[in-house]
Amino acid sequence: MKLYLSILVLFAFLAIAFVFGSQNEQIIELNYIIARSNISVAMAVSIFTFIGFIIGVFAMLSFSISRKIKRFKDKTNAPAQAPHLNS
């Protein structure tokens, strides 16, 4: 059920993006440090959204990896428990 809901939300976002892209055909000029380009508003929004998504994925992965490393270190540095001797 969760998969179907995720797919539905994804298609809703794609539909909104399609409508946004079809309504924003104005050309803008982007000035980079060493270059300049003329692209549509929809293309600029798409590019910067994709860049933000990639940065978010890298941040999430680095956080997840650091948590796993911390857990592994805590697990290996834990003091060994003395065996219980039944008298």
N, C-alpha and C. Protein backbone atom coordinates (compact mmCIF):
# COMPACT_ATOMS: atom_id res chain seq x y z
N MET A 1 0.82 -1.19 0.00
CA MET A 1 0.00 0.00 0.00
C MET A 1 0.86 1.26 0.00
N LYS A 2 1.95 1.22 0.77
CA LYS A 2 2.84 2.37 0.85
C LYS A 2 3.48 2.65 -0.52
N LEU A 3 3.79 1.59 -1.26
CA LEU A 3 4.38 1.73 -2.59
C LEU A 3 3.41 2.43 -3.54
N TYR A 4 2.14 2.02 -3.49
CA TYR A 4 1.15 2.64 -4.36
C TYR A 4 0.95 4.12 -4.04
N LEU A 5 0.96 4.44 -2.77
CA LEU A 5 0.82 5.84 -2.36
C LEU A 5 2.02 6.66 -2.83
N SER A 6 3.22 6.09 -2.72
CA SER A 6 4.43 6.78 -3.19
C SER A 6 4.38 7.02 -4.69
N ILE A 7 3.95 6.03 -5.43
CA ILE A 7 3.84 6.17 -6.89
C ILE A 7 2.80 7.22 -7.25
N LEU A 8 1.69 7.24 -6.54
CA LEU A 8 0.65 8.24 -6.78
C LEU A 8 1.17 9.66 -6.53
N VAL A 9 1.89 9.84 -5.44
CA VAL A 9 2.47 11.15 -5.13
C VAL A 9 3.50 11.55 -6.19
N LEU A 10 4.30 10.59 -6.64
CA LEU A 10 5.29 10.87 -7.69
C LEU A 10 4.61 11.33 -8.98
N PHE A 11 3.55 10.65 -9.38
CA PHE A 11 2.83 11.05 -10.59
C PHE A 11 2.16 12.42 -10.42
N ALA A 12 1.70 12.72 -9.22
CA ALA A 12 1.11 14.04 -8.97
C ALA A 12 2.16 15.13 -9.13
N PHE A 13 3.36 14.90 -8.58
CA PHE A 13 4.44 15.88 -8.74
C PHE A 13 4.86 16.02 -10.20
N LEU A 14 4.91 14.91 -10.92
CA LEU A 14 5.25 14.99 -12.35
C LEU A 14 4.21 15.76 -13.13
N ALA A 15 2.95 15.58 -12.81
CA ALA A 15 1.88 16.33 -13.49
C ALA A 15 1.99 17.82 -13.20
N ILE A 16 2.27 18.17 -11.94
CA ILE A 16 2.45 19.58 -11.58
C ILE A 16 3.66 20.16 -12.31
N ALA A 17 4.74 19.39 -12.38
CA ALA A 17 5.94 19.86 -13.08
C ALA A 17 5.66 20.05 -14.57
N PHE A 18 4.87 19.16 -15.17
CA PHE A 18 4.53 19.30 -16.58
C PHE A 18 3.73 20.56 -16.83
N VAL A 19 2.75 20.83 -15.97
CA VAL A 19 1.94 22.05 -16.11
C VAL A 19 2.81 23.28 -15.92
N PHE A 20 3.67 23.26 -14.91
CA PHE A 20 4.57 24.39 -14.67
C PHE A 20 5.47 24.63 -15.88
N GLY A 21 6.03 23.56 -16.43
CA GLY A 21 6.92 23.69 -17.57
C GLY A 21 6.22 24.19 -18.82
N SER A 22 4.98 23.78 -19.02
CA SER A 22 4.27 24.22 -20.21
C SER A 22 3.82 25.68 -20.10
N GLN A 23 3.68 26.21 -18.89
CA GLN A 23 3.24 27.58 -18.71
C GLN A 23 4.39 28.59 -18.62
N ASN A 24 5.62 28.12 -18.44
CA ASN A 24 6.76 29.02 -18.25
C ASN A 24 7.79 28.82 -19.36
N GLU A 25 7.52 29.43 -20.49
CA GLU A 25 8.41 29.30 -21.63
C GLU A 25 9.32 30.51 -21.81
N GLN A 26 9.31 31.45 -20.86
CA GLN A 26 10.15 32.63 -20.99
C GLN A 26 11.61 32.22 -20.92
N ILE A 27 12.41 32.93 -21.68
CA ILE A 27 13.84 32.68 -21.71
C ILE A 27 14.53 33.62 -20.72
N ILE A 28 15.40 33.05 -19.89
CA ILE A 28 16.18 33.86 -18.96
C ILE A 28 17.66 33.66 -19.26
N GLU A 29 18.46 34.60 -18.81
CA GLU A 29 19.90 34.52 -19.01
C GLU A 29 20.56 34.21 -17.67
N LEU A 30 21.31 33.11 -17.62
CA LEU A 30 22.04 32.74 -16.42
C LEU A 30 23.50 33.09 -16.61
N ASN A 31 24.04 33.86 -15.69
CA ASN A 31 25.45 34.23 -15.74
C ASN A 31 26.21 33.39 -14.73
N TYR A 32 27.07 32.53 -15.23
CA TYR A 32 27.94 31.73 -14.37
C TYR A 32 29.23 32.50 -14.17
N ILE A 33 30.14 31.94 -13.41
CA ILE A 33 31.42 32.61 -13.18
C ILE A 33 32.19 32.74 -14.50
N ILE A 34 32.18 31.68 -15.30
CA ILE A 34 32.97 31.70 -16.54
C ILE A 34 32.14 31.61 -17.81
N ALA A 35 30.82 31.48 -17.67
CA ALA A 35 29.99 31.30 -18.87
C ALA A 35 28.65 32.01 -18.69
N ARG A 36 27.89 32.01 -19.75
CA ARG A 36 26.57 32.63 -19.78
C ARG A 36 25.69 31.77 -20.69
N SER A 37 24.44 31.56 -20.29
CA SER A 37 23.56 30.76 -21.14
C SER A 37 22.14 31.30 -21.07
N ASN A 38 21.39 31.05 -22.13
CA ASN A 38 19.99 31.42 -22.21
C ASN A 38 19.16 30.14 -22.20
N ILE A 39 18.35 29.98 -21.14
CA ILE A 39 17.49 28.80 -21.03
C ILE A 39 16.12 29.24 -20.54
N SER A 40 15.14 28.34 -20.67
CA SER A 40 13.79 28.68 -20.21
C SER A 40 13.71 28.58 -18.69
N VAL A 41 12.69 29.23 -18.14
CA VAL A 41 12.49 29.22 -16.70
C VAL A 41 12.25 27.79 -16.21
N ALA A 42 11.48 27.02 -16.96
CA ALA A 42 11.19 25.65 -16.57
C ALA A 42 12.47 24.81 -16.54
N MET A 43 13.34 25.01 -17.51
CA MET A 43 14.61 24.27 -17.53
C MET A 43 15.49 24.65 -16.35
N ALA A 44 15.54 25.93 -16.01
CA ALA A 44 16.34 26.38 -14.87
C ALA A 44 15.81 25.78 -13.57
N VAL A 45 14.50 25.78 -13.40
CA VAL A 45 13.91 25.19 -12.20
C VAL A 45 14.20 23.70 -12.15
N SER A 46 14.11 23.01 -13.27
CA SER A 46 14.40 21.58 -13.33
C SER A 46 15.84 21.29 -12.96
N ILE A 47 16.76 22.05 -13.50
CA ILE A 47 18.19 21.85 -13.22
C ILE A 47 18.48 22.06 -11.75
N PHE A 48 17.99 23.15 -11.18
CA PHE A 48 18.30 23.46 -9.78
C PHE A 48 17.58 22.51 -8.82
N THR A 49 16.41 22.03 -9.20
CA THR A 49 15.73 21.03 -8.39
C THR A 49 16.51 19.72 -8.39
N PHE A 50 17.02 19.32 -9.55
CA PHE A 50 17.82 18.10 -9.65
C PHE A 50 19.10 18.23 -8.84
N ILE A 51 19.75 19.37 -8.93
CA ILE A 51 20.98 19.59 -8.15
C ILE A 51 20.67 19.52 -6.65
N GLY A 52 19.57 20.12 -6.22
CA GLY A 52 19.18 20.06 -4.82
C GLY A 52 18.86 18.64 -4.38
N PHE A 53 18.22 17.86 -5.25
CA PHE A 53 17.91 16.46 -4.94
C PHE A 53 19.20 15.66 -4.75
N ILE A 54 20.17 15.86 -5.64
CA ILE A 54 21.44 15.14 -5.55
C ILE A 54 22.18 15.52 -4.26
N ILE A 55 22.21 16.80 -3.93
CA ILE A 55 22.86 17.23 -2.69
C ILE A 55 22.16 16.61 -1.48
N GLY A 56 20.84 16.56 -1.50
CA GLY A 56 20.09 15.94 -0.42
C GLY A 56 20.37 14.46 -0.27
N VAL A 57 20.47 13.75 -1.40
CA VAL A 57 20.79 12.32 -1.36
C VAL A 57 22.18 12.10 -0.79
N PHE A 58 23.16 12.89 -1.22
CA PHE A 58 24.52 12.75 -0.68
C PHE A 58 24.55 13.06 0.81
N ALA A 59 23.82 14.06 1.25
CA ALA A 59 23.79 14.39 2.68
C ALA A 59 23.15 13.25 3.47
N MET A 60 22.06 12.70 2.96
CA MET A 60 21.40 11.59 3.63
C MET A 60 22.30 10.36 3.70
N LEU A 61 22.98 10.05 2.61
CA LEU A 61 23.88 8.90 2.60
C LEU A 61 25.06 9.08 3.54
N SER A 62 25.62 10.28 3.57
CA SER A 62 26.75 10.51 4.46
C SER A 62 26.32 10.41 5.92
N PHE A 63 25.13 10.91 6.25
CA PHE A 63 24.61 10.79 7.61
C PHE A 63 24.37 9.33 7.96
N SER A 64 23.79 8.58 7.04
CA SER A 64 23.52 7.17 7.28
C SER A 64 24.80 6.37 7.47
N ILE A 65 25.79 6.64 6.63
CA ILE A 65 27.07 5.93 6.74
C ILE A 65 27.76 6.28 8.05
N SER A 66 27.73 7.55 8.45
CA SER A 66 28.38 7.94 9.71
C SER A 66 27.69 7.29 10.90
N ARG A 67 26.37 7.13 10.86
CA ARG A 67 25.65 6.44 11.94
C ARG A 67 26.04 4.98 12.00
N LYS A 68 26.17 4.33 10.83
CA LYS A 68 26.56 2.92 10.82
C LYS A 68 27.99 2.74 11.33
N ILE A 69 28.88 3.65 10.97
CA ILE A 69 30.26 3.57 11.45
C ILE A 69 30.29 3.75 12.96
N LYS A 70 29.50 4.71 13.47
CA LYS A 70 29.47 4.94 14.92
C LYS A 70 28.93 3.71 15.64
N ARG A 71 27.87 3.11 15.11
CA ARG A 71 27.33 1.89 15.73
C ARG A 71 28.36 0.77 15.72
N PHE A 72 29.07 0.62 14.62
CA PHE A 72 30.08 -0.43 14.52
C PHE A 72 31.19 -0.20 15.53
N LYS A 73 31.65 1.06 15.66
CA LYS A 73 32.70 1.36 16.63
C LYS A 73 32.23 1.12 18.06
N ASP A 74 31.00 1.53 18.35
CA ASP A 74 30.46 1.30 19.69
C ASP A 74 30.33 -0.19 19.99
N LYS A 75 29.96 -0.95 18.98
CA LYS A 75 29.79 -2.38 19.16
C LYS A 75 31.13 -3.08 19.40
N THR A 76 32.17 -2.67 18.67
CA THR A 76 33.47 -3.31 18.82
C THR A 76 34.21 -2.83 20.06
N ASN A 77 33.92 -1.65 20.56
CA ASN A 77 34.59 -1.11 21.74
C ASN A 77 33.86 -1.43 23.04
N ALA A 78 32.74 -2.11 22.93
CA ALA A 78 31.98 -2.45 24.14
C ALA A 78 32.76 -3.45 24.96
N PRO A 79 32.78 -3.28 26.28
CA PRO A 79 33.54 -4.22 27.12
C PRO A 79 32.89 -5.61 27.07
N ALA A 80 33.75 -6.60 27.08
CA ALA A 80 33.26 -7.98 27.06
C ALA A 80 32.60 -8.29 28.39
N GLN A 81 31.48 -8.95 28.34
CA GLN A 81 30.78 -9.29 29.56
C GLN A 81 31.39 -10.56 30.16
N ALA A 82 31.52 -10.54 31.46
CA ALA A 82 32.06 -11.72 32.15
C ALA A 82 31.02 -12.83 32.13
N PRO A 83 31.46 -14.06 31.90
CA PRO A 83 30.49 -15.16 31.87
C PRO A 83 29.90 -15.38 33.26
N HIS A 84 28.66 -15.72 33.29
CA HIS A 84 27.98 -15.97 34.56
C HIS A 84 28.31 -17.39 35.03
N LEU A 85 28.83 -17.47 36.23
CA LEU A 85 29.17 -18.77 36.79
C LEU A 85 28.10 -19.18 37.77
N ASN A 86 27.57 -20.32 37.53
CA ASN A 86 26.55 -20.83 38.45
C ASN A 86 27.25 -21.62 39.55
N SER A 87 27.09 -21.20 40.79
CA SER A 87 27.75 -21.86 41.92
C SER A 87 26.90 -22.97 42.47
